Amino acid sequence: MTEPVTILIADDHPVFRKGLRALLDAIEEVEVVGEATGGEEAVALAIDLLPDVVVMDIQMPGVNGVEATRRIAASAPSVRILVLTMFDDDDTVFAAMRAGAAGYVLKDAEHDDIIRSMLAVARGDAVFGPGVAARVRAFFSGREPSTSPFPDLTPREVEVLDGMAAGENNQTIARRLGVAPKTIRNMSSNIFLKLQVADRSQAIIRARDAGLGRPG
């Protein structure tokens, strides 16, 4: 009898996590060997359990899914990672790919597609959901390699980070860019997430080290 594909689920939303487990528990060729509610736990369990596949969410407390993917790929290269998330922007998709994800599927995909993706990743294939696959094709057919010191950030996010490094507060940055302060707060949260920093001070240090921030 063929050994089942072992799965570790990493997602901080209990309803989604338990629903996915219930779906997988009904499949004979799959065995769920663990659940993680955050990135650090996902890394620890992946190294300890060595599942065939980690199903990884992106936005989780503490260490996010991209960084967790990077750590697992470095410490347990036999473990394959399938990102299963609601984030479908180019920056997140390519950050996950660079970190070592073998697949990227959106949570609104059909259940059968999610299961097929898990099994395909376990076999060694690279899998991308339809919408994500289109983005990948568009990226490699038309975009030039980024020369930004922070390639995971969008150009507008780099502008915001540059303002932070120059000592501007959110209200000043918002006025300069012609957007609402709330928009800058939301963008700042995304920047911290992508840079893997805890707060504004750490982001400013990273930015200034990279040459951002204007005099005065």
C-alpha atoms as a PDB file:
ATOM      1  CA  MET A   1       0.000   0.000   0.000  1.00  0.00           C
ATOM      2  CA  THR A   2       1.306   3.480  -0.909  1.00  0.00           C
ATOM      3  CA  GLU A   3       2.296   5.644   2.027  1.00  0.00           C
ATOM      4  CA  PRO A   4      -0.007   8.662   2.477  1.00  0.00           C
ATOM      5  CA  VAL A   5       1.197  12.166   1.718  1.00  0.00           C
ATOM      6  CA  THR A   6       1.883  13.834   5.052  1.00  0.00           C
ATOM      7  CA  ILE A   7       0.650  17.395   5.482  1.00  0.00           C
ATOM      8  CA  LEU A   8       1.347  20.131   8.016  1.00  0.00           C
ATOM      9  CA  ILE A   9      -1.227  22.959   8.018  1.00  0.00           C
ATOM     10  CA  ALA A  10       0.040  26.423   8.996  1.00  0.00           C
ATOM     11  CA  ASP A  11      -2.756  28.993   9.326  1.00  0.00           C
ATOM     12  CA  ASP A  12      -3.760  31.260  12.183  1.00  0.00           C
ATOM     13  CA  HIS A  13      -7.491  31.247  11.329  1.00  0.00           C
ATOM     14  CA  PRO A  14      -9.000  28.376  13.349  1.00  0.00           C
ATOM     15  CA  VAL A  15     -12.156  28.072  11.252  1.00  0.00           C
ATOM     16  CA  PHE A  16     -10.242  27.795   7.994  1.00  0.00           C
ATOM     17  CA  ARG A  17      -7.570  25.551   9.511  1.00  0.00           C
ATOM     18  CA  LYS A  18     -10.088  23.104  10.975  1.00  0.00           C
ATOM     19  CA  GLY A  19     -12.165  23.150   7.795  1.00  0.00           C
ATOM     20  CA  LEU A  20      -9.117  22.305   5.715  1.00  0.00           C
ATOM     21  CA  ARG A  21      -8.172  19.524   8.112  1.00  0.00           C
ATOM     22  CA  ALA A  22     -11.665  18.053   7.910  1.00  0.00           C
ATOM     23  CA  LEU A  23     -11.419  18.127   4.109  1.00  0.00           C
ATOM     24  CA  LEU A  24      -8.039  16.390   4.125  1.00  0.00           C
ATOM     25  CA  ASP A  25      -8.964  13.837   6.785  1.00  0.00           C
ATOM     26  CA  ALA A  26     -11.568  12.485   4.377  1.00  0.00           C
ATOM     27  CA  ILE A  27      -8.914  11.663   1.761  1.00  0.00           C
ATOM     28  CA  GLU A  28      -7.208   8.285   2.063  1.00  0.00           C
ATOM     29  CA  GLU A  29      -3.957   9.259   0.359  1.00  0.00           C
ATOM     30  CA  VAL A  30      -3.397  12.204   2.724  1.00  0.00           C
ATOM     31  CA  GLU A  31      -2.476  12.291   6.421  1.00  0.00           C
ATOM     32  CA  VAL A  32      -2.464  15.555   8.398  1.00  0.00           C
ATOM     33  CA  VAL A  33       0.399  15.241  10.875  1.00  0.00           C
ATOM     34  CA  GLY A  34       0.146  18.627  12.555  1.00  0.00           C
ATOM     35  CA  GLU A  35      -1.250  22.153  12.719  1.00  0.00           C
ATOM     36  CA  ALA A  36       0.592  25.414  13.339  1.00  0.00           C
ATOM     37  CA  THR A  37      -0.996  28.744  14.204  1.00  0.00           C
ATOM     38  CA  GLY A  38       2.030  30.929  13.461  1.00  0.00           C
ATOM     39  CA  GLY A  39       5.220  31.063  11.470  1.00  0.00           C
ATOM     40  CA  GLU A  40       7.633  30.122  14.247  1.00  0.00           C
ATOM     41  CA  GLU A  41       5.526  27.100  15.170  1.00  0.00           C
ATOM     42  CA  ALA A  42       5.313  26.106  11.500  1.00  0.00           C
ATOM     43  CA  VAL A  43       9.106  26.150  11.193  1.00  0.00           C
ATOM     44  CA  ALA A  44       9.591  24.132  14.397  1.00  0.00           C
ATOM     45  CA  LEU A  45       6.989  21.518  13.448  1.00  0.00           C
ATOM     46  CA  ALA A  46       8.259  21.231   9.882  1.00  0.00           C
ATOM     47  CA  ILE A  47      11.780  20.529  11.096  1.00  0.00           C
ATOM     48  CA  ASP A  48      10.529  18.096  13.748  1.00  0.00           C
ATOM     49  CA  LEU A  49       7.917  16.215  11.712  1.00  0.00           C
ATOM     50  CA  LEU A  50       9.421  16.512   8.198  1.00  0.00           C
ATOM     51  CA  PRO A  51       6.044  16.337   6.441  1.00  0.00           C
ATOM     52  CA  ASP A  52       5.891  15.936   2.685  1.00  0.00           C
ATOM     53  CA  VAL A  53       4.083  19.265   2.328  1.00  0.00           C
ATOM     54  CA  VAL A  54       3.500  22.335   4.484  1.00  0.00           C
ATOM     55  CA  VAL A  55       0.335  24.218   3.511  1.00  0.00           C
ATOM     56  CA  MET A  56       1.373  27.750   4.417  1.00  0.00           C
ATOM     57  CA  ASP A  57      -0.679  30.901   4.940  1.00  0.00           C
ATOM     58  CA  ILE A  58       1.080  34.232   4.376  1.00  0.00           C
ATOM     59  CA  GLN A  59      -0.208  36.584   7.055  1.00  0.00           C
ATOM     60  CA  MET A  60       0.302  35.044  10.479  1.00  0.00           C
ATOM     61  CA  PRO A  61       1.329  36.496  13.854  1.00  0.00           C
ATOM     62  CA  GLY A  62       5.029  36.779  14.533  1.00  0.00           C
ATOM     63  CA  VAL A  63       6.997  35.254  11.677  1.00  0.00           C
ATOM     64  CA  ASN A  64       4.949  35.502   8.482  1.00  0.00           C
ATOM     65  CA  GLY A  65       4.529  32.795   5.873  1.00  0.00           C
ATOM     66  CA  VAL A  66       7.216  34.100   3.520  1.00  0.00           C
ATOM     67  CA  GLU A  67       9.886  34.113   6.205  1.00  0.00           C
ATOM     68  CA  ALA A  68       8.687  30.755   7.566  1.00  0.00           C
ATOM     69  CA  THR A  69       8.969  29.350   4.041  1.00  0.00           C
ATOM     70  CA  ARG A  70      12.517  30.683   3.754  1.00  0.00           C
ATOM     71  CA  ARG A  71      13.537  29.124   7.076  1.00  0.00           C
ATOM     72  CA  ILE A  72      11.982  25.745   6.280  1.00  0.00           C
ATOM     73  CA  ALA A  73      13.588  25.670   2.831  1.00  0.00           C
ATOM     74  CA  ALA A  74      16.975  26.317   4.446  1.00  0.00           C
ATOM     75  CA  SER A  75      16.630  23.893   7.374  1.00  0.00           C
ATOM     76  CA  ALA A  76      14.469  21.113   5.910  1.00  0.00           C
ATOM     77  CA  PRO A  77      14.893  21.183   2.118  1.00  0.00           C
ATOM     78  CA  SER A  78      13.020  17.892   1.655  1.00  0.00           C
ATOM     79  CA  VAL A  79       9.817  19.575   2.874  1.00  0.00           C
ATOM     80  CA  ARG A  80       7.766  21.058   0.037  1.00  0.00           C
ATOM     81  CA  ILE A  81       5.733  24.199   0.662  1.00  0.00           C
ATOM     82  CA  LEU A  82       2.400  25.115  -0.866  1.00  0.00           C
ATOM     83  CA  VAL A  83       1.288  28.666  -0.108  1.00  0.00           C
ATOM     84  CA  LEU A  84      -2.486  28.848   0.388  1.00  0.00           C
ATOM     85  CA  THR A  85      -3.565  32.436   0.942  1.00  0.00           C
ATOM     86  CA  MET A  86      -5.870  35.282  -0.061  1.00  0.00           C
ATOM     87  CA  PHE A  87      -2.946  37.502  -1.127  1.00  0.00           C
ATOM     88  CA  ASP A  88      -2.564  37.531  -4.920  1.00  0.00           C
ATOM     89  CA  ASP A  89      -0.459  40.665  -5.504  1.00  0.00           C
ATOM     90  CA  ASP A  90       2.741  40.307  -7.509  1.00  0.00           C
ATOM     91  CA  ASP A  91       5.015  41.284  -4.631  1.00  0.00           C
ATOM     92  CA  THR A  92       3.697  38.596  -2.291  1.00  0.00           C
ATOM     93  CA  VAL A  93       3.633  35.912  -4.989  1.00  0.00           C
ATOM     94  CA  PHE A  94       7.248  36.500  -6.018  1.00  0.00           C
ATOM     95  CA  ALA A  95       8.473  36.935  -2.449  1.00  0.00           C
ATOM     96  CA  ALA A  96       7.053  33.479  -1.673  1.00  0.00           C
ATOM     97  CA  MET A  97       8.660  32.013  -4.798  1.00  0.00           C
ATOM     98  CA  ARG A  98      12.039  33.497  -3.930  1.00  0.00           C
ATOM     99  CA  ALA A  99      11.693  32.119  -0.402  1.00  0.00           C
ATOM    100  CA  GLY A 100      11.321  28.600  -1.789  1.00  0.00           C
ATOM    101  CA  ALA A 101       7.584  27.914  -2.160  1.00  0.00           C
ATOM    102  CA  ALA A 102       6.839  25.122  -4.637  1.00  0.00           C
ATOM    103  CA  GLY A 103       3.258  26.234  -5.207  1.00  0.00           C
ATOM    104  CA  TYR A 104       0.928  29.180  -4.711  1.00  0.00           C
ATOM    105  CA  VAL A 105      -2.848  28.781  -4.639  1.00  0.00           C
ATOM    106  CA  LEU A 106      -5.583  31.146  -3.491  1.00  0.00           C
ATOM    107  CA  LYS A 107      -7.970  30.192  -0.711  1.00  0.00           C
ATOM    108  CA  ASP A 108     -11.002  30.765  -2.912  1.00  0.00           C
ATOM    109  CA  ALA A 109      -9.939  27.948  -5.247  1.00  0.00           C
ATOM    110  CA  GLU A 110     -12.165  24.883  -5.534  1.00  0.00           C
ATOM    111  CA  HIS A 111     -11.492  22.204  -2.945  1.00  0.00           C
ATOM    112  CA  ASP A 112     -10.507  19.703  -5.639  1.00  0.00           C
ATOM    113  CA  ASP A 113      -7.967  22.171  -7.044  1.00  0.00           C
ATOM    114  CA  ILE A 114      -6.427  22.689  -3.604  1.00  0.00           C
ATOM    115  CA  ILE A 115      -6.119  18.945  -3.052  1.00  0.00           C
ATOM    116  CA  ARG A 116      -4.637  18.385  -6.516  1.00  0.00           C
ATOM    117  CA  SER A 117      -2.122  21.154  -5.839  1.00  0.00           C
ATOM    118  CA  MET A 118      -1.019  19.556  -2.560  1.00  0.00           C
ATOM    119  CA  LEU A 119      -0.529  16.169  -4.209  1.00  0.00           C
ATOM    120  CA  ALA A 120       1.307  17.708  -7.159  1.00  0.00           C
ATOM    121  CA  VAL A 121       3.666  19.627  -4.870  1.00  0.00           C
ATOM    122  CA  ALA A 122       4.315  16.400  -2.928  1.00  0.00           C
ATOM    123  CA  ARG A 123       5.309  14.739  -6.223  1.00  0.00           C
ATOM    124  CA  GLY A 124       7.872  17.450  -6.859  1.00  0.00           C
ATOM    125  CA  ASP A 125       5.879  19.623  -9.245  1.00  0.00           C
ATOM    126  CA  ALA A 126       5.590  23.414  -9.160  1.00  0.00           C
ATOM    127  CA  VAL A 127       1.949  24.483  -8.963  1.00  0.00           C
ATOM    128  CA  PHE A 128       0.246  27.846  -9.345  1.00  0.00           C
ATOM    129  CA  GLY A 129      -3.474  28.573  -9.315  1.00  0.00           C
ATOM    130  CA  PRO A 130      -4.958  29.986 -12.542  1.00  0.00           C
ATOM    131  CA  GLY A 131      -4.869  33.648 -11.502  1.00  0.00           C
ATOM    132  CA  VAL A 132      -1.407  33.328 -10.014  1.00  0.00           C
ATOM    133  CA  ALA A 133      -0.093  31.461 -13.069  1.00  0.00           C
ATOM    134  CA  ALA A 134      -1.238  34.340 -15.274  1.00  0.00           C
ATOM    135  CA  ARG A 135       0.703  36.773 -13.084  1.00  0.00           C
ATOM    136  CA  VAL A 136       3.808  34.605 -13.275  1.00  0.00           C
ATOM    137  CA  ARG A 137       3.617  34.486 -17.083  1.00  0.00           C
ATOM    138  CA  ALA A 138       3.084  38.237 -17.287  1.00  0.00           C
ATOM    139  CA  PHE A 139       5.995  38.869 -14.952  1.00  0.00           C
ATOM    140  CA  PHE A 140       8.505  36.799 -16.892  1.00  0.00           C
ATOM    141  CA  SER A 141       7.283  37.965 -20.290  1.00  0.00           C
ATOM    142  CA  GLY A 142       7.258  41.693 -19.651  1.00  0.00           C
ATOM    143  CA  ARG A 143       8.897  42.920 -16.447  1.00  0.00           C
ATOM    144  CA  GLU A 144      12.511  43.918 -16.116  1.00  0.00           C
ATOM    145  CA  PRO A 145      14.480  42.679 -13.101  1.00  0.00           C
ATOM    146  CA  SER A 146      14.136  45.058 -10.181  1.00  0.00           C
ATOM    147  CA  THR A 147      17.159  47.147  -9.194  1.00  0.00           C
ATOM    148  CA  SER A 148      15.514  48.350  -5.987  1.00  0.00           C
ATOM    149  CA  PRO A 149      17.277  47.513  -2.705  1.00  0.00           C
ATOM    150  CA  PHE A 150      13.847  46.274  -1.577  1.00  0.00           C
ATOM    151  CA  PRO A 151      12.467  44.290  -4.536  1.00  0.00           C
ATOM    152  CA  ASP A 152       9.529  42.984  -2.483  1.00  0.00           C
ATOM    153  CA  LEU A 153       8.177  46.537  -2.080  1.00  0.00           C
ATOM    154  CA  THR A 154       6.056  48.328  -4.655  1.00  0.00           C
ATOM    155  CA  PRO A 155       7.367  51.684  -5.970  1.00  0.00           C
ATOM    156  CA  ARG A 156       4.819  53.529  -3.822  1.00  0.00           C
ATOM    157  CA  GLU A 157       5.866  51.567  -0.731  1.00  0.00           C
ATOM    158  CA  VAL A 158       9.484  52.528  -1.426  1.00  0.00           C
ATOM    159  CA  GLU A 159       8.354  56.181  -1.519  1.00  0.00           C
ATOM    160  CA  VAL A 160       6.682  55.761   1.863  1.00  0.00           C
ATOM    161  CA  LEU A 161       9.759  54.037   3.304  1.00  0.00           C
ATOM    162  CA  ASP A 162      11.946  56.807   1.897  1.00  0.00           C
ATOM    163  CA  GLY A 163       9.792  59.337   3.705  1.00  0.00           C
ATOM    164  CA  MET A 164      10.103  57.429   6.970  1.00  0.00           C
ATOM    165  CA  ALA A 165      13.883  57.330   6.564  1.00  0.00           C
ATOM    166  CA  ALA A 166      13.859  61.089   6.001  1.00  0.00           C
ATOM    167  CA  GLY A 167      12.082  61.597   9.330  1.00  0.00           C
ATOM    168  CA  GLU A 168       8.628  62.358   7.957  1.00  0.00           C
ATOM    169  CA  ASN A 169       5.552  61.312   9.924  1.00  0.00           C
ATOM    170  CA  ASN A 170       2.524  59.647   8.351  1.00  0.00           C
ATOM    171  CA  GLN A 171       0.630  62.928   7.929  1.00  0.00           C
ATOM    172  CA  THR A 172       3.543  64.536   6.079  1.00  0.00           C
ATOM    173  CA  ILE A 173       4.015  61.521   3.818  1.00  0.00           C
ATOM    174  CA  ALA A 174       0.279  61.431   3.121  1.00  0.00           C
ATOM    175  CA  ARG A 175       0.231  65.104   2.106  1.00  0.00           C
ATOM    176  CA  ARG A 176       3.250  64.667  -0.144  1.00  0.00           C
ATOM    177  CA  LEU A 177       1.768  61.639  -1.904  1.00  0.00           C
ATOM    178  CA  GLY A 178      -1.770  63.005  -2.011  1.00  0.00           C
ATOM    179  CA  VAL A 179      -3.390  60.179  -0.047  1.00  0.00           C
ATOM    180  CA  ALA A 180      -5.134  59.772   3.295  1.00  0.00           C
ATOM    181  CA  PRO A 181      -3.077  59.170   6.468  1.00  0.00           C
ATOM    182  CA  LYS A 182      -4.967  55.893   6.937  1.00  0.00           C
ATOM    183  CA  THR A 183      -3.601  54.729   3.569  1.00  0.00           C
ATOM    184  CA  ILE A 184      -0.065  55.437   4.769  1.00  0.00           C
ATOM    185  CA  ARG A 185      -0.723  53.510   7.996  1.00  0.00           C
ATOM    186  CA  ASN A 186      -1.921  50.508   6.008  1.00  0.00           C
ATOM    187  CA  MET A 187       1.020  50.723   3.615  1.00  0.00           C
ATOM    188  CA  SER A 188       3.402  50.979   6.579  1.00  0.00           C
ATOM    189  CA  SER A 189       2.017  47.737   7.992  1.00  0.00           C
ATOM    190  CA  ASN A 190       2.620  46.051   4.631  1.00  0.00           C
ATOM    191  CA  ILE A 191       6.147  47.431   4.528  1.00  0.00           C
ATOM    192  CA  PHE A 192       6.942  46.093   8.012  1.00  0.00           C
ATOM    193  CA  LEU A 193       5.541  42.698   7.004  1.00  0.00           C
ATOM    194  CA  LYS A 194       7.580  42.513   3.802  1.00  0.00           C
ATOM    195  CA  LEU A 195      10.799  43.740   5.445  1.00  0.00           C
ATOM    196  CA  GLN A 196      10.363  41.323   8.376  1.00  0.00           C
ATOM    197  CA  VAL A 197      10.720  44.132  10.920  1.00  0.00           C
ATOM    198  CA  ALA A 198       8.768  44.694  14.118  1.00  0.00           C
ATOM    199  CA  ASP A 199       8.229  48.428  13.947  1.00  0.00           C
ATOM    200  CA  ARG A 200       8.928  51.765  12.271  1.00  0.00           C
ATOM    201  CA  SER A 201      12.316  52.216  13.942  1.00  0.00           C
ATOM    202  CA  GLN A 202      13.640  48.954  12.537  1.00  0.00           C
ATOM    203  CA  ALA A 203      12.254  49.808   9.090  1.00  0.00           C
ATOM    204  CA  ILE A 204      14.035  53.176   9.173  1.00  0.00           C
ATOM    205  CA  ILE A 205      17.349  51.508  10.043  1.00  0.00           C
ATOM    206  CA  ARG A 206      16.965  49.110   7.109  1.00  0.00           C
ATOM    207  CA  ALA A 207      16.010  51.988   4.795  1.00  0.00           C
ATOM    208  CA  ARG A 208      18.915  54.230   5.788  1.00  0.00           C
ATOM    209  CA  ASP A 209      21.370  51.327   5.480  1.00  0.00           C
ATOM    210  CA  ALA A 210      20.113  50.967   1.885  1.00  0.00           C
ATOM    211  CA  GLY A 211      20.624  54.662   1.158  1.00  0.00           C
ATOM    212  CA  LEU A 212      17.037  55.898   1.483  1.00  0.00           C
ATOM    213  CA  GLY A 213      16.084  59.132   3.226  1.00  0.00           C
ATOM    214  CA  ARG A 214      16.679  62.635   1.980  1.00  0.00           C
ATOM    215  CA  PRO A 215      18.596  65.335   3.869  1.00  0.00           C
ATOM    216  CA  GLY A 216      16.354  67.567   5.885  1.00  0.00           C
END
